[in-house]
């Protein structure tokens, strides 16, 4: 199968997945962006903000905006790394964990 064919199929699959998941997320008062962020943190535990940005395919500045909103909602925690105080680690809060359950 040619690469353009594979990419087209992946795009269709992603679109269908989003369409199927979004109604359930709306019932939980959870956006697709929130779901993606919480899922990355759930799978990684405590992880650097830079790594989360990389995994989500966004810039660190874009993620910072989202992090502020999710911190305010109490869905995530942000702590300084024990080894490098400049490094910010993100993890799920109890509320964030509950949203995914």
N, C-alpha and C. Protein backbone atom coordinates (compact mmCIF):
# COMPACT_ATOMS: atom_id res chain seq x y z
N UNK A 1 0.85 -1.17 0.00
CA UNK A 1 0.00 0.00 0.00
C UNK A 1 0.90 1.24 0.00
N UNK A 2 0.52 2.20 -0.79
CA UNK A 2 1.31 3.42 -0.90
C UNK A 2 1.10 4.33 0.31
N UNK A 3 2.10 5.12 0.64
CA UNK A 3 2.05 6.02 1.80
C UNK A 3 0.85 6.97 1.75
N UNK A 4 0.53 7.60 0.60
CA UNK A 4 -0.65 8.48 0.58
C UNK A 4 -1.95 7.75 0.92
N UNK A 5 -2.05 6.48 0.49
CA UNK A 5 -3.24 5.70 0.81
C UNK A 5 -3.34 5.43 2.31
N UNK A 6 -2.22 5.10 2.91
CA UNK A 6 -2.19 4.83 4.35
C UNK A 6 -2.56 6.10 5.12
N UNK A 7 -1.99 7.23 4.74
CA UNK A 7 -2.28 8.49 5.43
C UNK A 7 -3.76 8.85 5.30
N UNK A 8 -4.34 8.63 4.15
CA UNK A 8 -5.77 8.92 3.97
C UNK A 8 -6.62 8.04 4.87
N UNK A 9 -6.25 6.77 4.98
CA UNK A 9 -7.00 5.86 5.85
C UNK A 9 -6.85 6.23 7.33
N UNK A 10 -5.65 6.64 7.71
CA UNK A 10 -5.44 7.09 9.09
C UNK A 10 -6.28 8.32 9.39
N UNK A 11 -6.34 9.26 8.45
CA UNK A 11 -7.14 10.47 8.64
C UNK A 11 -8.62 10.13 8.79
N UNK A 12 -9.12 9.21 7.99
CA UNK A 12 -10.53 8.79 8.08
C UNK A 12 -10.79 8.11 9.42
N UNK A 13 -9.88 7.23 9.82
CA UNK A 13 -10.02 6.54 11.10
C UNK A 13 -10.04 7.53 12.26
N UNK A 14 -9.12 8.51 12.24
CA UNK A 14 -9.05 9.52 13.29
C UNK A 14 -10.36 10.31 13.35
N UNK A 15 -10.88 10.69 12.19
CA UNK A 15 -12.13 11.45 12.15
C UNK A 15 -13.29 10.63 12.71
N UNK A 16 -13.37 9.38 12.35
CA UNK A 16 -14.44 8.51 12.86
C UNK A 16 -14.31 8.26 14.35
N UNK A 17 -13.09 8.10 14.80
CA UNK A 17 -12.85 7.90 16.24
C UNK A 17 -13.31 9.13 17.01
N UNK A 18 -12.94 10.29 16.54
CA UNK A 18 -13.34 11.54 17.21
C UNK A 18 -14.85 11.67 17.26
N UNK A 19 -15.50 11.38 16.15
CA UNK A 19 -16.96 11.49 16.08
C UNK A 19 -17.63 10.51 17.05
N UNK A 20 -17.05 9.34 17.24
CA UNK A 20 -17.62 8.34 18.14
C UNK A 20 -17.39 8.69 19.60
N UNK A 21 -16.25 9.29 19.91
CA UNK A 21 -15.87 9.56 21.29
C UNK A 21 -16.49 10.87 21.81
N UNK A 22 -16.64 11.86 20.96
CA UNK A 22 -17.07 13.18 21.42
C UNK A 22 -18.39 13.20 22.18
N UNK A 23 -19.44 12.46 21.78
CA UNK A 23 -20.67 12.48 22.60
C UNK A 23 -20.44 12.00 24.04
N UNK A 24 -19.63 10.97 24.20
CA UNK A 24 -19.33 10.49 25.55
C UNK A 24 -18.56 11.53 26.34
N UNK A 25 -17.62 12.20 25.69
CA UNK A 25 -16.85 13.24 26.38
C UNK A 25 -17.75 14.41 26.78
N UNK A 26 -18.69 14.77 25.93
CA UNK A 26 -19.60 15.87 26.26
C UNK A 26 -20.42 15.54 27.50
N UNK A 27 -20.83 14.28 27.64
CA UNK A 27 -21.59 13.89 28.84
C UNK A 27 -20.74 14.03 30.10
N UNK A 28 -19.42 13.91 29.95
CA UNK A 28 -18.51 14.05 31.09
C UNK A 28 -18.01 15.48 31.28
N UNK A 29 -18.51 16.39 30.44
CA UNK A 29 -18.05 17.78 30.44
C UNK A 29 -16.54 17.84 30.21
N UNK A 30 -16.10 17.07 29.21
CA UNK A 30 -14.68 16.93 28.90
C UNK A 30 -14.49 17.17 27.40
N UNK A 31 -13.61 18.07 27.06
CA UNK A 31 -13.32 18.33 25.65
C UNK A 31 -12.33 17.30 25.11
N UNK A 32 -12.19 17.25 23.79
CA UNK A 32 -11.22 16.35 23.16
C UNK A 32 -9.81 16.70 23.62
N UNK A 33 -9.51 18.00 23.72
CA UNK A 33 -8.18 18.46 24.15
C UNK A 33 -7.90 17.98 25.58
N UNK A 34 -8.88 18.14 26.46
CA UNK A 34 -8.72 17.68 27.84
C UNK A 34 -8.51 16.18 27.88
N UNK A 35 -9.29 15.46 27.12
CA UNK A 35 -9.16 14.00 27.08
C UNK A 35 -7.76 13.58 26.62
N UNK A 36 -7.24 14.22 25.58
CA UNK A 36 -5.90 13.89 25.10
C UNK A 36 -4.84 14.17 26.16
N UNK A 37 -4.93 15.33 26.81
CA UNK A 37 -3.96 15.67 27.85
C UNK A 37 -4.02 14.68 29.01
N UNK A 38 -5.22 14.41 29.50
CA UNK A 38 -5.36 13.49 30.63
C UNK A 38 -4.90 12.09 30.27
N UNK A 39 -5.16 11.67 29.05
CA UNK A 39 -4.74 10.34 28.61
C UNK A 39 -3.23 10.22 28.57
N UNK A 40 -2.54 11.24 28.07
CA UNK A 40 -1.08 11.22 28.06
C UNK A 40 -0.55 11.12 29.49
N UNK A 41 -1.11 11.91 30.39
CA UNK A 41 -0.64 11.88 31.78
C UNK A 41 -0.98 10.55 32.46
N UNK A 42 -2.12 10.00 32.14
CA UNK A 42 -2.51 8.71 32.72
C UNK A 42 -1.53 7.63 32.30
N UNK A 43 -1.13 7.66 31.05
CA UNK A 43 -0.22 6.65 30.54
C UNK A 43 1.22 6.84 30.97
N UNK A 44 1.59 8.06 31.33
CA UNK A 44 2.99 8.36 31.63
C UNK A 44 3.26 8.58 33.12
N UNK A 45 2.26 8.80 33.92
CA UNK A 45 2.49 9.15 35.32
C UNK A 45 2.94 10.59 35.42
N UNK A 46 4.04 10.84 36.10
CA UNK A 46 4.59 12.18 36.23
C UNK A 46 5.58 12.38 35.09
N UNK A 47 5.32 13.36 34.24
CA UNK A 47 6.12 13.55 33.03
C UNK A 47 6.36 15.03 32.80
N UNK A 48 7.47 15.35 32.16
CA UNK A 48 7.81 16.76 31.94
C UNK A 48 6.82 17.42 30.99
N UNK A 49 6.62 18.69 31.21
CA UNK A 49 5.72 19.47 30.37
C UNK A 49 6.22 19.45 28.93
N UNK A 50 7.53 19.49 28.73
CA UNK A 50 8.10 19.45 27.38
C UNK A 50 7.78 18.12 26.69
N UNK A 51 7.84 17.02 27.43
CA UNK A 51 7.53 15.71 26.86
C UNK A 51 6.04 15.61 26.51
N UNK A 52 5.18 16.17 27.34
CA UNK A 52 3.75 16.16 27.04
C UNK A 52 3.49 16.93 25.76
N UNK A 53 4.12 18.09 25.61
CA UNK A 53 3.96 18.89 24.39
C UNK A 53 4.41 18.09 23.18
N UNK A 54 5.53 17.40 23.30
CA UNK A 54 6.03 16.58 22.20
C UNK A 54 5.05 15.47 21.85
N UNK A 55 4.54 14.78 22.87
CA UNK A 55 3.60 13.67 22.65
C UNK A 55 2.30 14.14 22.00
N UNK A 56 1.85 15.35 22.35
CA UNK A 56 0.61 15.88 21.78
C UNK A 56 0.82 16.58 20.45
N UNK A 57 2.08 16.81 20.10
CA UNK A 57 2.38 17.46 18.84
C UNK A 57 2.07 18.94 18.83
N UNK A 58 2.25 19.59 20.00
CA UNK A 58 2.02 21.03 20.11
C UNK A 58 3.29 21.70 20.63
N UNK A 59 3.33 23.01 20.49
CA UNK A 59 4.48 23.74 21.01
C UNK A 59 4.38 23.84 22.54
N UNK A 60 5.51 23.99 23.21
CA UNK A 60 5.47 24.18 24.67
C UNK A 60 4.62 25.40 25.07
N UNK A 61 4.66 26.47 24.26
CA UNK A 61 3.85 27.65 24.57
C UNK A 61 2.36 27.34 24.49
N UNK A 62 1.96 26.59 23.48
CA UNK A 62 0.55 26.20 23.34
C UNK A 62 0.12 25.34 24.52
N UNK A 63 0.98 24.41 24.91
CA UNK A 63 0.64 23.55 26.04
C UNK A 63 0.53 24.36 27.33
N UNK A 64 1.36 25.38 27.50
CA UNK A 64 1.31 26.21 28.71
C UNK A 64 -0.06 26.82 28.91
N UNK A 65 -0.67 27.29 27.83
CA UNK A 65 -2.03 27.85 27.92
C UNK A 65 -3.00 26.79 28.43
N UNK A 66 -2.92 25.62 27.86
CA UNK A 66 -3.82 24.54 28.25
C UNK A 66 -3.57 24.10 29.69
N UNK A 67 -2.30 24.02 30.07
CA UNK A 67 -1.94 23.61 31.43
C UNK A 67 -2.56 24.56 32.45
N UNK A 68 -2.47 25.86 32.21
CA UNK A 68 -3.06 26.83 33.15
C UNK A 68 -4.55 26.57 33.37
N UNK A 69 -5.26 26.34 32.29
CA UNK A 69 -6.69 26.07 32.40
C UNK A 69 -7.00 24.78 33.13
N UNK A 70 -6.21 23.75 32.86
CA UNK A 70 -6.45 22.46 33.51
C UNK A 70 -6.01 22.46 34.98
N UNK A 71 -5.00 23.26 35.30
CA UNK A 71 -4.63 23.44 36.71
C UNK A 71 -5.76 24.14 37.46
N UNK A 72 -6.32 25.18 36.85
CA UNK A 72 -7.42 25.93 37.47
C UNK A 72 -8.64 25.04 37.70
N UNK A 73 -8.87 24.10 36.80
CA UNK A 73 -10.00 23.17 36.94
C UNK A 73 -9.70 22.04 37.92
N UNK A 74 -8.44 21.94 38.35
CA UNK A 74 -8.05 20.91 39.31
C UNK A 74 -7.91 19.53 38.71
N UNK A 75 -7.69 19.45 37.39
CA UNK A 75 -7.59 18.16 36.73
C UNK A 75 -6.16 17.61 36.67
N UNK A 76 -5.19 18.51 36.81
CA UNK A 76 -3.79 18.09 36.77
C UNK A 76 -3.01 18.78 37.88
N UNK A 77 -1.82 18.26 38.14
CA UNK A 77 -0.88 18.88 39.09
C UNK A 77 0.38 19.24 38.33
N UNK A 78 1.04 20.29 38.79
CA UNK A 78 2.32 20.70 38.21
C UNK A 78 3.31 20.87 39.36
N UNK A 79 4.44 20.18 39.27
CA UNK A 79 5.45 20.26 40.32
C UNK A 79 6.82 20.49 39.68
N UNK A 80 7.73 21.02 40.48
CA UNK A 80 9.11 21.18 40.01
C UNK A 80 9.81 19.84 40.15
N UNK A 81 10.70 19.56 39.23
CA UNK A 81 11.49 18.33 39.28
C UNK A 81 12.44 18.39 40.47
N UNK A 82 12.67 17.26 41.10
CA UNK A 82 13.62 17.21 42.20
C UNK A 82 15.05 17.42 41.74
N UNK A 83 15.35 17.06 40.50
CA UNK A 83 16.72 17.18 40.00
C UNK A 83 16.98 18.49 39.26
N UNK A 84 15.95 19.11 38.71
CA UNK A 84 16.11 20.35 37.96
C UNK A 84 14.89 21.23 38.22
N UNK A 85 15.04 22.24 39.05
CA UNK A 85 13.91 23.08 39.47
C UNK A 85 13.26 23.83 38.30
N UNK A 86 13.99 23.95 37.18
CA UNK A 86 13.41 24.62 36.00
C UNK A 86 12.45 23.71 35.26
N UNK A 87 12.58 22.41 35.46
CA UNK A 87 11.77 21.42 34.77
C UNK A 87 10.44 21.26 35.50
N UNK A 88 9.33 21.41 34.77
CA UNK A 88 8.01 21.25 35.36
C UNK A 88 7.45 19.88 35.00
N UNK A 89 6.99 19.17 36.02
CA UNK A 89 6.40 17.86 35.83
C UNK A 89 4.89 17.95 35.96
N UNK A 90 4.19 17.26 35.10
CA UNK A 90 2.74 17.22 35.14
C UNK A 90 2.28 15.83 35.53
N UNK A 91 1.19 15.77 36.27
CA UNK A 91 0.58 14.49 36.63
C UNK A 91 -0.91 14.71 36.81
N UNK A 92 -1.65 13.61 36.80
CA UNK A 92 -3.10 13.69 37.01
C UNK A 92 -3.41 13.98 38.47
N UNK A 93 -4.39 14.80 38.71
CA UNK A 93 -4.91 14.98 40.07
C UNK A 93 -5.96 13.89 40.29
N UNK A 94 -6.48 13.80 41.49
CA UNK A 94 -7.54 12.84 41.77
C UNK A 94 -8.76 13.12 40.90
N UNK A 95 -9.07 14.40 40.68
CA UNK A 95 -10.21 14.78 39.83
C UNK A 95 -9.98 14.36 38.38
N UNK A 96 -8.77 14.55 37.90
CA UNK A 96 -8.44 14.13 36.54
C UNK A 96 -8.52 12.63 36.38
N UNK A 97 -8.03 11.92 37.39
CA UNK A 97 -8.10 10.46 37.38
C UNK A 97 -9.56 10.01 37.37
N UNK A 98 -10.37 10.66 38.17
CA UNK A 98 -11.80 10.30 38.26
C UNK A 98 -12.50 10.54 36.93
N UNK A 99 -12.12 11.62 36.22
CA UNK A 99 -12.75 11.92 34.94
C UNK A 99 -12.49 10.81 33.93
N UNK A 100 -11.32 10.19 34.02
CA UNK A 100 -10.98 9.11 33.09
C UNK A 100 -11.57 7.77 33.49
N UNK A 101 -12.04 7.65 34.71
CA UNK A 101 -12.57 6.36 35.18
C UNK A 101 -13.98 6.11 34.71
